[in-house]
Amino acid sequence: MSELLGTVGRLRRYPVKSMLGEDLDAAELGERGLRGDRRRAVLDVATGRIASAKSPRLWRALLTLDGTRPPGDAELSALLGRRVRLVESPPEGAELERSVPEEVLERGVEAEVGHTVGRLGGAAPGTFLDFAPVHLIAASTLARIGALGPRGTVEADRYRPNLVIEPAPDGPGAAALGGPGAAGLGGPGAAGLGGPGAAGLGGPVASDGSVAAALGGSVALDGSGAAVPGGFVENGWVGAELLVGDEVVLAVIAPTPRCAVPTLAHGVLPRDVDALRVPARHNQVSALGMAPQPCAGAYARVLRPGRVAKGDPVRLRVP
């Protein structure tokens, strides 16, 4: 039994890790993710580590470059101010640095801040993937982050998803994407399952007064104190399967912890610290064995590979 969530609104891949990506009409999706996604990366010759904009002091300039047409090693090294090489396979034990995002918010992108060191390839050996082969985000989550921020909008590109899921407005699964009737997933009327008034039903209450929905999502307040429905619904998909089109089946494994990358300038998009501040205030979630982190979107692994295309229906199935 499955419910229609919506459709694939955008399909994106990033040919070079931490560089700008491209929109696709269709692509093959296998156990290692979309064909051609993160197939190359920049190697810091001095440290032997993979360059990642998760460490913005050193590598934020990568997000100014078109990953479909990356510069050569000499030009890239001059631009980044360090000797680097573009590589197609990670060295054994490949690592990257992830700056502590809260410190980046507080001290700025040029400051030396604390960082963690992570290994690549855990999701798919021999790849440049961090945690999982597929990253997805719901359009309602993007709308919610925008509504809770001062600009009133936020761009999907900042979060670097492979799939952006648009809601089916009147489908039976609209509740799971924050549409009308989203009582069980943080939409209007969510009192019975984690919305306003859920404290008596076990719904956790955040320090800002928002109440996390029992099946994912949360009901947060905007600057005027009004409830902002929908969004962060991916929390409730963990453990479920997504059926994409006629072939692909994904297993949702965790909410996506956000690093400093969404706050950085992306091509023509300027810096936007609220792209991280909003999830930090309204959606702190324990994921991937970490302490609570600001999350938006979800990671998934591929149970059944196949072809995926823009406009494909996306259905939610609980095994």
C-alpha atoms as a PDB file:
ATOM      1  CA  MET A   1       0.000   0.000   0.000  1.00  0.00           C
ATOM      2  CA  SER A   2       1.413   3.394  -0.933  1.00  0.00           C
ATOM      3  CA  GLU A   3       0.290   7.020  -1.025  1.00  0.00           C
ATOM      4  CA  LEU A   4       1.032   9.602  -3.661  1.00  0.00           C
ATOM      5  CA  LEU A   5       3.296  12.313  -2.264  1.00  0.00           C
ATOM      6  CA  GLY A   6       3.813  14.325  -5.412  1.00  0.00           C
ATOM      7  CA  THR A   7       6.175  14.442  -8.344  1.00  0.00           C
ATOM      8  CA  VAL A   8       9.844  14.988  -9.099  1.00  0.00           C
ATOM      9  CA  GLY A   9       9.922  18.749  -9.533  1.00  0.00           C
ATOM     10  CA  ARG A  10      13.659  18.955 -10.167  1.00  0.00           C
ATOM     11  CA  LEU A  11      16.346  16.388 -10.856  1.00  0.00           C
ATOM     12  CA  ARG A  12      19.921  17.549 -10.212  1.00  0.00           C
ATOM     13  CA  ARG A  13      23.440  16.232 -10.233  1.00  0.00           C
ATOM     14  CA  TYR A  14      26.812  17.721  -9.336  1.00  0.00           C
ATOM     15  CA  PRO A  15      29.567  16.389 -11.627  1.00  0.00           C
ATOM     16  CA  VAL A  16      32.340  17.766  -9.375  1.00  0.00           C
ATOM     17  CA  LYS A  17      31.997  17.648  -5.607  1.00  0.00           C
ATOM     18  CA  SER A  18      31.255  21.119  -4.147  1.00  0.00           C
ATOM     19  CA  MET A  19      30.979  22.778  -7.562  1.00  0.00           C
ATOM     20  CA  LEU A  20      27.728  23.997  -9.089  1.00  0.00           C
ATOM     21  CA  GLY A  21      25.372  21.377 -10.466  1.00  0.00           C
ATOM     22  CA  GLU A  22      22.988  20.969 -13.378  1.00  0.00           C
ATOM     23  CA  ASP A  23      19.298  20.245 -13.905  1.00  0.00           C
ATOM     24  CA  LEU A  24      18.399  17.076 -15.794  1.00  0.00           C
ATOM     25  CA  ASP A  25      15.247  15.920 -17.531  1.00  0.00           C
ATOM     26  CA  ALA A  26      16.033  12.262 -16.811  1.00  0.00           C
ATOM     27  CA  ALA A  27      18.894  10.044 -15.615  1.00  0.00           C
ATOM     28  CA  GLU A  28      19.753   6.528 -14.551  1.00  0.00           C
ATOM     29  CA  LEU A  29      19.759   6.066 -10.778  1.00  0.00           C
ATOM     30  CA  GLY A  30      21.854   3.218  -9.435  1.00  0.00           C
ATOM     31  CA  GLU A  31      23.233   2.019  -6.125  1.00  0.00           C
ATOM     32  CA  ARG A  32      25.871   4.761  -6.323  1.00  0.00           C
ATOM     33  CA  GLY A  33      23.352   7.493  -7.039  1.00  0.00           C
ATOM     34  CA  LEU A  34      22.576   9.401 -10.226  1.00  0.00           C
ATOM     35  CA  ARG A  35      24.861   8.531 -13.100  1.00  0.00           C
ATOM     36  CA  GLY A  36      27.567  11.191 -13.259  1.00  0.00           C
ATOM     37  CA  ASP A  37      26.872  12.640  -9.819  1.00  0.00           C
ATOM     38  CA  ARG A  38      29.988  13.594  -7.815  1.00  0.00           C
ATOM     39  CA  ARG A  39      32.105  11.550 -10.214  1.00  0.00           C
ATOM     40  CA  ARG A  40      35.070  13.892  -9.693  1.00  0.00           C
ATOM     41  CA  ALA A  41      36.443  15.953  -6.834  1.00  0.00           C
ATOM     42  CA  VAL A  42      39.268  18.359  -6.042  1.00  0.00           C
ATOM     43  CA  LEU A  43      42.218  16.927  -4.109  1.00  0.00           C
ATOM     44  CA  ASP A  44      44.313  19.179  -1.855  1.00  0.00           C
ATOM     45  CA  VAL A  45      47.832  18.027  -2.716  1.00  0.00           C
ATOM     46  CA  ALA A  46      49.385  19.260   0.556  1.00  0.00           C
ATOM     47  CA  THR A  47      47.018  17.398   2.877  1.00  0.00           C
ATOM     48  CA  GLY A  48      45.780  14.580   0.668  1.00  0.00           C
ATOM     49  CA  ARG A  49      42.222  15.482   1.660  1.00  0.00           C
ATOM     50  CA  ILE A  50      39.267  16.075  -0.630  1.00  0.00           C
ATOM     51  CA  ALA A  51      38.310  19.741  -0.954  1.00  0.00           C
ATOM     52  CA  SER A  52      34.793  20.459   0.251  1.00  0.00           C
ATOM     53  CA  ALA A  53      32.849  23.695   0.703  1.00  0.00           C
ATOM     54  CA  LYS A  54      31.842  22.252   4.079  1.00  0.00           C
ATOM     55  CA  SER A  55      35.107  23.945   5.073  1.00  0.00           C
ATOM     56  CA  PRO A  56      34.283  27.392   3.677  1.00  0.00           C
ATOM     57  CA  ARG A  57      37.424  29.265   4.755  1.00  0.00           C
ATOM     58  CA  LEU A  58      39.465  27.209   2.295  1.00  0.00           C
ATOM     59  CA  TRP A  59      37.027  25.972  -0.304  1.00  0.00           C
ATOM     60  CA  ARG A  60      33.972  28.232  -0.645  1.00  0.00           C
ATOM     61  CA  ALA A  61      35.220  29.437  -4.056  1.00  0.00           C
ATOM     62  CA  LEU A  62      34.393  25.991  -5.464  1.00  0.00           C
ATOM     63  CA  LEU A  63      30.736  27.064  -5.372  1.00  0.00           C
ATOM     64  CA  THR A  64      31.475  29.747  -7.970  1.00  0.00           C
ATOM     65  CA  LEU A  65      32.522  27.147 -10.565  1.00  0.00           C
ATOM     66  CA  ASP A  66      30.457  25.266 -13.114  1.00  0.00           C
ATOM     67  CA  GLY A  67      30.946  21.583 -12.392  1.00  0.00           C
ATOM     68  CA  THR A  68      30.010  20.657 -15.957  1.00  0.00           C
ATOM     69  CA  ARG A  69      33.026  22.608 -17.257  1.00  0.00           C
ATOM     70  CA  PRO A  70      35.638  22.682 -14.484  1.00  0.00           C
ATOM     71  CA  PRO A  71      38.927  24.498 -15.044  1.00  0.00           C
ATOM     72  CA  GLY A  72      42.228  22.652 -15.383  1.00  0.00           C
ATOM     73  CA  ASP A  73      44.498  21.968 -12.419  1.00  0.00           C
ATOM     74  CA  ALA A  74      46.721  25.029 -12.892  1.00  0.00           C
ATOM     75  CA  GLU A  75      43.809  27.459 -13.178  1.00  0.00           C
ATOM     76  CA  LEU A  76      42.003  25.775 -10.301  1.00  0.00           C
ATOM     77  CA  SER A  77      45.098  25.978  -8.084  1.00  0.00           C
ATOM     78  CA  ALA A  78      45.511  29.693  -8.855  1.00  0.00           C
ATOM     79  CA  LEU A  79      41.870  30.380  -8.079  1.00  0.00           C
ATOM     80  CA  LEU A  80      41.901  28.481  -4.777  1.00  0.00           C
ATOM     81  CA  GLY A  81      45.346  29.638  -3.669  1.00  0.00           C
ATOM     82  CA  ARG A  82      46.499  26.056  -3.024  1.00  0.00           C
ATOM     83  CA  ARG A  83      47.959  23.323  -5.189  1.00  0.00           C
ATOM     84  CA  VAL A  84      45.090  21.035  -6.140  1.00  0.00           C
ATOM     85  CA  ARG A  85      44.246  18.330  -8.651  1.00  0.00           C
ATOM     86  CA  LEU A  86      40.949  17.222 -10.141  1.00  0.00           C
ATOM     87  CA  VAL A  87      40.648  13.491  -9.496  1.00  0.00           C
ATOM     88  CA  GLU A  88      38.207  10.818 -10.635  1.00  0.00           C
ATOM     89  CA  SER A  89      38.667   8.343  -7.794  1.00  0.00           C
ATOM     90  CA  PRO A  90      39.277   8.990  -4.105  1.00  0.00           C
ATOM     91  CA  PRO A  91      42.617   8.042  -2.577  1.00  0.00           C
ATOM     92  CA  GLU A  92      42.542   5.215  -0.073  1.00  0.00           C
ATOM     93  CA  GLY A  93      41.120   6.440   3.226  1.00  0.00           C
ATOM     94  CA  ALA A  94      39.970   9.698   1.623  1.00  0.00           C
ATOM     95  CA  GLU A  95      38.944  12.344   4.144  1.00  0.00           C
ATOM     96  CA  LEU A  96      37.399  15.799   4.178  1.00  0.00           C
ATOM     97  CA  GLU A  97      36.963  18.535   6.776  1.00  0.00           C
ATOM     98  CA  ARG A  98      33.570  19.775   7.949  1.00  0.00           C
ATOM     99  CA  SER A  99      33.624  23.098   9.779  1.00  0.00           C
ATOM    100  CA  VAL A 100      31.356  23.390  12.802  1.00  0.00           C
ATOM    101  CA  PRO A 101      28.414  25.219  11.193  1.00  0.00           C
ATOM    102  CA  GLU A 102      27.391  27.134  14.324  1.00  0.00           C
ATOM    103  CA  GLU A 103      30.902  28.590  14.557  1.00  0.00           C
ATOM    104  CA  VAL A 104      30.810  29.602  10.889  1.00  0.00           C
ATOM    105  CA  LEU A 105      27.509  31.402  11.527  1.00  0.00           C
ATOM    106  CA  GLU A 106      28.931  33.179  14.553  1.00  0.00           C
ATOM    107  CA  ARG A 107      32.397  34.068  13.270  1.00  0.00           C
ATOM    108  CA  GLY A 108      32.073  34.235   9.488  1.00  0.00           C
ATOM    109  CA  VAL A 109      33.389  32.279   6.525  1.00  0.00           C
ATOM    110  CA  GLU A 110      36.968  33.595   6.729  1.00  0.00           C
ATOM    111  CA  ALA A 111      37.537  32.666  10.364  1.00  0.00           C
ATOM    112  CA  GLU A 112      39.423  29.597  11.501  1.00  0.00           C
ATOM    113  CA  VAL A 113      36.826  27.525  13.308  1.00  0.00           C
ATOM    114  CA  GLY A 114      36.582  24.073  14.779  1.00  0.00           C
ATOM    115  CA  HIS A 115      36.059  21.184  12.428  1.00  0.00           C
ATOM    116  CA  THR A 116      35.510  17.466  12.255  1.00  0.00           C
ATOM    117  CA  VAL A 117      37.196  15.087   9.836  1.00  0.00           C
ATOM    118  CA  GLY A 118      35.096  12.514   8.037  1.00  0.00           C
ATOM    119  CA  ARG A 119      35.844   9.676   5.647  1.00  0.00           C
ATOM    120  CA  LEU A 120      34.330   9.382   2.213  1.00  0.00           C
ATOM    121  CA  GLY A 121      32.868   6.298   0.623  1.00  0.00           C
ATOM    122  CA  GLY A 122      30.925   4.909   3.552  1.00  0.00           C
ATOM    123  CA  ALA A 123      27.713   5.172   1.524  1.00  0.00           C
ATOM    124  CA  ALA A 124      29.275   3.656  -1.597  1.00  0.00           C
ATOM    125  CA  PRO A 125      32.939   2.553  -1.565  1.00  0.00           C
ATOM    126  CA  GLY A 126      35.119   4.206  -4.180  1.00  0.00           C
ATOM    127  CA  THR A 127      32.888   7.287  -4.477  1.00  0.00           C
ATOM    128  CA  PHE A 128      33.003  10.877  -3.275  1.00  0.00           C
ATOM    129  CA  LEU A 129      29.653  10.546  -1.490  1.00  0.00           C
ATOM    130  CA  ASP A 130      29.495  11.643   2.144  1.00  0.00           C
ATOM    131  CA  PHE A 131      26.630   9.721   3.760  1.00  0.00           C
ATOM    132  CA  ALA A 132      24.257   8.365   1.128  1.00  0.00           C
ATOM    133  CA  PRO A 133      23.898   8.057  -2.653  1.00  0.00           C
ATOM    134  CA  VAL A 134      20.719  10.152  -2.860  1.00  0.00           C
ATOM    135  CA  HIS A 135      19.712  13.415  -1.217  1.00  0.00           C
ATOM    136  CA  LEU A 136      16.158  14.703  -1.541  1.00  0.00           C
ATOM    137  CA  ILE A 137      14.129  17.588  -0.207  1.00  0.00           C
ATOM    138  CA  ALA A 138      10.433  18.498  -0.297  1.00  0.00           C
ATOM    139  CA  ALA A 139       9.314  21.756  -1.883  1.00  0.00           C
ATOM    140  CA  SER A 140       7.221  22.374   1.225  1.00  0.00           C
ATOM    141  CA  THR A 141      10.371  22.322   3.362  1.00  0.00           C
ATOM    142  CA  LEU A 142      11.960  24.934   1.112  1.00  0.00           C
ATOM    143  CA  ALA A 143       8.793  27.034   1.285  1.00  0.00           C
ATOM    144  CA  ARG A 144       8.771  26.777   5.045  1.00  0.00           C
ATOM    145  CA  ILE A 145      12.410  27.769   5.455  1.00  0.00           C
ATOM    146  CA  GLY A 146      11.715  30.748   3.217  1.00  0.00           C
ATOM    147  CA  ALA A 147       8.589  31.716   5.161  1.00  0.00           C
ATOM    148  CA  LEU A 148      10.481  31.620   8.442  1.00  0.00           C
ATOM    149  CA  GLY A 149      13.374  33.731   7.119  1.00  0.00           C
ATOM    150  CA  PRO A 150      13.549  37.469   6.473  1.00  0.00           C
ATOM    151  CA  ARG A 151      13.762  37.141   2.664  1.00  0.00           C
ATOM    152  CA  GLY A 152      10.562  35.102   2.421  1.00  0.00           C
ATOM    153  CA  THR A 153      12.193  32.575   0.099  1.00  0.00           C
ATOM    154  CA  VAL A 154      15.116  30.188  -0.138  1.00  0.00           C
ATOM    155  CA  GLU A 155      16.604  28.426  -3.153  1.00  0.00           C
ATOM    156  CA  ALA A 156      16.782  24.640  -3.527  1.00  0.00           C
ATOM    157  CA  ASP A 157      20.272  24.938  -5.035  1.00  0.00           C
ATOM    158  CA  ARG A 158      21.685  25.925  -1.641  1.00  0.00           C
ATOM    159  CA  TYR A 159      20.880  22.474  -0.238  1.00  0.00           C
ATOM    160  CA  ARG A 160      22.296  20.551  -3.231  1.00  0.00           C
ATOM    161  CA  PRO A 161      19.548  17.919  -3.532  1.00  0.00           C
ATOM    162  CA  ASN A 162      19.294  15.287  -6.238  1.00  0.00           C
ATOM    163  CA  LEU A 163      15.486  15.322  -6.128  1.00  0.00           C
ATOM    164  CA  VAL A 164      13.111  18.134  -5.225  1.00  0.00           C
ATOM    165  CA  ILE A 165       9.669  16.685  -4.553  1.00  0.00           C
ATOM    166  CA  GLU A 166       6.719  18.877  -5.482  1.00  0.00           C
ATOM    167  CA  PRO A 167       3.396  18.132  -3.780  1.00  0.00           C
ATOM    168  CA  ALA A 168       0.371  16.694  -5.521  1.00  0.00           C
ATOM    169  CA  PRO A 169      -2.091  19.367  -4.302  1.00  0.00           C
ATOM    170  CA  ASP A 170      -5.155  17.168  -3.972  1.00  0.00           C
ATOM    171  CA  GLY A 171      -3.564  13.730  -3.772  1.00  0.00           C
ATOM    172  CA  PRO A 172      -4.048  11.475  -0.754  1.00  0.00           C
ATOM    173  CA  GLY A 173      -0.428  11.987   0.209  1.00  0.00           C
ATOM    174  CA  ALA A 174      -0.630  15.790   0.264  1.00  0.00           C
ATOM    175  CA  ALA A 175      -0.610  15.672   4.057  1.00  0.00           C
ATOM    176  CA  ALA A 176       2.873  14.182   4.014  1.00  0.00           C
ATOM    177  CA  LEU A 177       4.147  17.154   2.003  1.00  0.00           C
ATOM    178  CA  GLY A 178       2.532  19.783   4.182  1.00  0.00           C
ATOM    179  CA  GLY A 179      -0.577  20.302   2.099  1.00  0.00           C
ATOM    180  CA  PRO A 180      -4.122  20.831   3.386  1.00  0.00           C
ATOM    181  CA  GLY A 181      -5.156  18.263   5.929  1.00  0.00           C
ATOM    182  CA  ALA A 182      -1.578  17.577   7.025  1.00  0.00           C
ATOM    183  CA  ALA A 183      -2.647  16.751  10.550  1.00  0.00           C
ATOM    184  CA  GLY A 184      -0.273  13.834  10.895  1.00  0.00           C
ATOM    185  CA  LEU A 185       2.784  15.568   9.483  1.00  0.00           C
ATOM    186  CA  GLY A 186       2.940  19.039  10.872  1.00  0.00           C
ATOM    187  CA  GLY A 187       0.320  20.771   8.757  1.00  0.00           C
ATOM    188  CA  PRO A 188      -2.810  22.614   9.887  1.00  0.00           C
ATOM    189  CA  GLY A 189      -4.780  20.732  12.475  1.00  0.00           C
ATOM    190  CA  ALA A 190      -1.762  18.765  13.666  1.00  0.00           C
ATOM    191  CA  ALA A 191      -2.724  18.836  17.337  1.00  0.00           C
ATOM    192  CA  GLY A 192      -3.460  15.114  17.426  1.00  0.00           C
ATOM    193  CA  LEU A 193      -0.055  14.073  16.077  1.00  0.00           C
ATOM    194  CA  GLY A 194       2.501  16.573  17.165  1.00  0.00           C
ATOM    195  CA  GLY A 195       1.050  19.918  16.143  1.00  0.00           C
ATOM    196  CA  PRO A 196      -0.006  22.684  18.520  1.00  0.00           C
ATOM    197  CA  GLY A 197      -1.225  21.149  21.739  1.00  0.00           C
ATOM    198  CA  ALA A 198       0.702  17.929  21.197  1.00  0.00           C
ATOM    199  CA  ALA A 199       2.664  18.215  24.437  1.00  0.00           C
ATOM    200  CA  GLY A 200       0.026  16.098  26.137  1.00  0.00           C
ATOM    201  CA  LEU A 201       0.428  13.430  23.450  1.00  0.00           C
ATOM    202  CA  GLY A 202       4.190  13.153  23.652  1.00  0.00           C
ATOM    203  CA  GLY A 203       5.112  15.685  20.986  1.00  0.00           C
ATOM    204  CA  PRO A 204       8.525  17.186  21.869  1.00  0.00           C
ATOM    205  CA  VAL A 205       8.517  20.922  22.402  1.00  0.00           C
ATOM    206  CA  ALA A 206      11.488  22.894  21.087  1.00  0.00           C
ATOM    207  CA  SER A 207      13.005  25.806  22.979  1.00  0.00           C
ATOM    208  CA  ASP A 208      11.481  28.246  20.507  1.00  0.00           C
ATOM    209  CA  GLY A 209       7.987  26.974  21.232  1.00  0.00           C
ATOM    210  CA  SER A 210       7.597  24.882  18.085  1.00  0.00           C
ATOM    211  CA  VAL A 211       6.247  21.385  18.516  1.00  0.00           C
ATOM    212  CA  ALA A 212       7.681  18.512  16.489  1.00  0.00           C
ATOM    213  CA  ALA A 213       5.121  16.314  14.785  1.00  0.00           C
ATOM    214  CA  ALA A 214       5.041  12.691  15.785  1.00  0.00           C
ATOM    215  CA  LEU A 215       5.468  11.584  12.183  1.00  0.00           C
ATOM    216  CA  GLY A 216       7.947  14.217  11.116  1.00  0.00           C
ATOM    217  CA  GLY A 217       7.579  17.880  10.342  1.00  0.00           C
ATOM    218  CA  SER A 218       6.904  20.476  12.978  1.00  0.00           C
ATOM    219  CA  VAL A 219       4.697  23.467  13.539  1.00  0.00           C
ATOM    220  CA  ALA A 220       6.797  26.584  13.936  1.00  0.00           C
ATOM    221  CA  LEU A 221       5.953  30.241  14.359  1.00  0.00           C
ATOM    222  CA  ASP A 222       6.971  33.059  12.073  1.00  0.00           C
ATOM    223  CA  GLY A 223       8.089  36.477  13.280  1.00  0.00           C
ATOM    224  CA  SER A 224       4.503  37.575  13.931  1.00  0.00           C
ATOM    225  CA  GLY A 225       3.735  34.489  16.021  1.00  0.00           C
ATOM    226  CA  ALA A 226       1.556  32.883  13.338  1.00  0.00           C
ATOM    227  CA  ALA A 227       1.874  29.161  12.678  1.00  0.00           C
ATOM    228  CA  VAL A 228       3.735  28.213   9.494  1.00  0.00           C
ATOM    229  CA  PRO A 229       2.341  24.884   8.255  1.00  0.00           C
ATOM    230  CA  GLY A 230       4.140  22.153   6.348  1.00  0.00           C
ATOM    231  CA  GLY A 231       7.829  21.597   5.891  1.00  0.00           C
ATOM    232  CA  PHE A 232      10.477  19.367   7.463  1.00  0.00           C
ATOM    233  CA  VAL A 233       8.209  16.482   6.492  1.00  0.00           C
ATOM    234  CA  GLU A 234      11.202  14.367   5.496  1.00  0.00           C
ATOM    235  CA  ASN A 235      11.760  13.631   9.201  1.00  0.00           C
ATOM    236  CA  GLY A 236       8.693  11.416   9.039  1.00  0.00           C
ATOM    237  CA  TRP A 237       9.862   9.496   5.985  1.00  0.00           C
ATOM    238  CA  VAL A 238      12.777   7.832   7.766  1.00  0.00           C
ATOM    239  CA  GLY A 239      12.298   4.067   7.621  1.00  0.00           C
ATOM    240  CA  ALA A 240       9.821   4.335   4.749  1.00  0.00           C
ATOM    241  CA  GLU A 241      10.304   3.720   1.040  1.00  0.00           C
ATOM    242  CA  LEU A 242       9.806   6.133  -1.843  1.00  0.00           C
ATOM    243  CA  LEU A 243       8.617   4.713  -5.151  1.00  0.00           C
ATOM    244  CA  VAL A 244       9.801   7.026  -7.911  1.00  0.00           C
ATOM    245  CA  GLY A 245       8.312   6.538 -11.359  1.00  0.00           C
ATOM    246  CA  ASP A 246       7.832   2.985 -12.582  1.00  0.00           C
ATOM    247  CA  GLU A 247      11.185   1.562 -11.542  1.00  0.00           C
ATOM    248  CA  VAL A 248      13.081   3.232  -8.713  1.00  0.00           C
ATOM    249  CA  VAL A 249      12.644   2.378  -5.037  1.00  0.00           C
ATOM    250  CA  LEU A 250      14.503   4.378  -2.363  1.00  0.00           C
ATOM    251  CA  ALA A 251      14.853   3.672   1.353  1.00  0.00           C
ATOM    252  CA  VAL A 252      14.900   6.874   3.409  1.00  0.00           C
ATOM    253  CA  ILE A 253      17.615   6.435   6.043  1.00  0.00           C
ATOM    254  CA  ALA A 254      18.006   9.753   7.885  1.00  0.00           C
ATOM    255  CA  PRO A 255      17.204  13.472   7.940  1.00  0.00           C
ATOM    256  CA  THR A 256      20.011  15.480   6.351  1.00  0.00           C
ATOM    257  CA  PRO A 257      22.198  17.363   8.850  1.00  0.00           C
ATOM    258  CA  ARG A 258      23.081  20.742   7.392  1.00  0.00           C
ATOM    259  CA  CYS A 259      26.594  22.147   7.291  1.00  0.00           C
ATOM    260  CA  ALA A 260      27.615  25.704   6.405  1.00  0.00           C
ATOM    261  CA  VAL A 261      27.203  25.141   2.646  1.00  0.00           C
ATOM    262  CA  PRO A 262      23.590  26.443   2.318  1.00  0.00           C
ATOM    263  CA  THR A 263      24.704  29.801   3.754  1.00  0.00           C
ATOM    264  CA  LEU A 264      27.420  30.349   1.155  1.00  0.00           C
ATOM    265  CA  ALA A 265      27.232  32.202  -2.150  1.00  0.00           C
ATOM    266  CA  HIS A 266      26.331  29.765  -4.946  1.00  0.00           C
ATOM    267  CA  GLY A 267      27.174  31.173  -8.348  1.00  0.00           C
ATOM    268  CA  VAL A 268      24.978  34.270  -8.669  1.00  0.00           C
ATOM    269  CA  LEU A 269      23.170  33.551  -5.396  1.00  0.00           C
ATOM    270  CA  PRO A 270      24.513  35.712  -2.536  1.00  0.00           C
ATOM    271  CA  ARG A 271      25.327  34.480   0.947  1.00  0.00           C
ATOM    272  CA  ASP A 272      22.257  33.700   3.075  1.00  0.00           C
ATOM    273  CA  VAL A 273      22.918  32.780   6.704  1.00  0.00           C
ATOM    274  CA  ASP A 274      19.211  32.167   7.317  1.00  0.00           C
ATOM    275  CA  ALA A 275      19.340  29.104   5.071  1.00  0.00           C
ATOM    276  CA  LEU A 276      20.982  27.446   8.080  1.00  0.00           C
ATOM    277  CA  ARG A 277      19.675  29.588  10.937  1.00  0.00           C
ATOM    278  CA  VAL A 278      16.058  28.642  10.235  1.00  0.00           C
ATOM    279  CA  PRO A 279      16.610  24.862  10.428  1.00  0.00           C
ATOM    280  CA  ALA A 280      18.825  25.444  13.472  1.00  0.00           C
ATOM    281  CA  ARG A 281      15.954  27.208  15.243  1.00  0.00           C
ATOM    282  CA  HIS A 282      13.084  25.035  14.046  1.00  0.00           C
ATOM    283  CA  ASN A 283      14.325  21.545  13.151  1.00  0.00           C
ATOM    284  CA  GLN A 284      17.105  20.228  15.366  1.00  0.00           C
ATOM    285  CA  VAL A 285      17.086  16.450  14.851  1.00  0.00           C
ATOM    286  CA  SER A 286      19.362  13.585  15.897  1.00  0.00           C
ATOM    287  CA  ALA A 287      20.604  11.893  12.726  1.00  0.00           C
ATOM    288  CA  LEU A 288      23.395   9.559  11.664  1.00  0.00           C
ATOM    289  CA  GLY A 289      24.444   8.959  15.251  1.00  0.00           C
ATOM    290  CA  MET A 290      25.094  12.653  15.881  1.00  0.00           C
ATOM    291  CA  ALA A 291      23.764  14.930  18.590  1.00  0.00           C
ATOM    292  CA  PRO A 292      20.788  17.037  17.426  1.00  0.00           C
ATOM    293  CA  GLN A 293      21.694  18.967  14.277  1.00  0.00           C
ATOM    294  CA  PRO A 294      19.854  21.468  12.084  1.00  0.00           C
ATOM    295  CA  CYS A 295      18.273  19.292   9.392  1.00  0.00           C
ATOM    296  CA  ALA A 296      16.475  19.846   6.097  1.00  0.00           C
ATOM    297  CA  GLY A 297      15.822  17.117   3.557  1.00  0.00           C
ATOM    298  CA  ALA A 298      16.659  13.426   3.810  1.00  0.00           C
ATOM    299  CA  TYR A 299      19.246  10.899   2.735  1.00  0.00           C
ATOM    300  CA  ALA A 300      18.242   7.731   0.923  1.00  0.00           C
ATOM    301  CA  ARG A 301      19.813   4.578  -0.449  1.00  0.00           C
ATOM    302  CA  VAL A 302      18.712   2.798  -3.605  1.00  0.00           C
ATOM    303  CA  LEU A 303      16.774  -0.437  -3.139  1.00  0.00           C
ATOM    304  CA  ARG A 304      15.888  -0.817  -6.809  1.00  0.00           C
ATOM    305  CA  PRO A 305      17.730   1.105  -9.517  1.00  0.00           C
ATOM    306  CA  GLY A 306      16.206   2.427 -12.705  1.00  0.00           C
ATOM    307  CA  ARG A 307      15.439   5.501 -14.716  1.00  0.00           C
ATOM    308  CA  VAL A 308      14.040   8.598 -13.034  1.00  0.00           C
ATOM    309  CA  ALA A 309      12.661  11.651 -14.805  1.00  0.00           C
ATOM    310  CA  LYS A 310      11.305  15.067 -13.992  1.00  0.00           C
ATOM    311  CA  GLY A 311       7.553  14.782 -13.453  1.00  0.00           C
ATOM    312  CA  ASP A 312       7.699  11.176 -12.243  1.00  0.00           C
ATOM    313  CA  PRO A 313       5.186  10.399  -9.484  1.00  0.00           C
ATOM    314  CA  VAL A 314       6.639   9.842  -6.015  1.00  0.00           C
ATOM    315  CA  ARG A 315       4.786   7.508  -3.666  1.00  0.00           C
ATOM    316  CA  LEU A 316       5.402   6.803   0.034  1.00  0.00           C
ATOM    317  CA  ARG A 317       5.276   3.221   1.257  1.00  0.00           C
ATOM    318  CA  VAL A 318       5.795   2.070   4.824  1.00  0.00           C
ATOM    319  CA  PRO A 319       7.241  -1.480   4.780  1.00  0.00           C
END
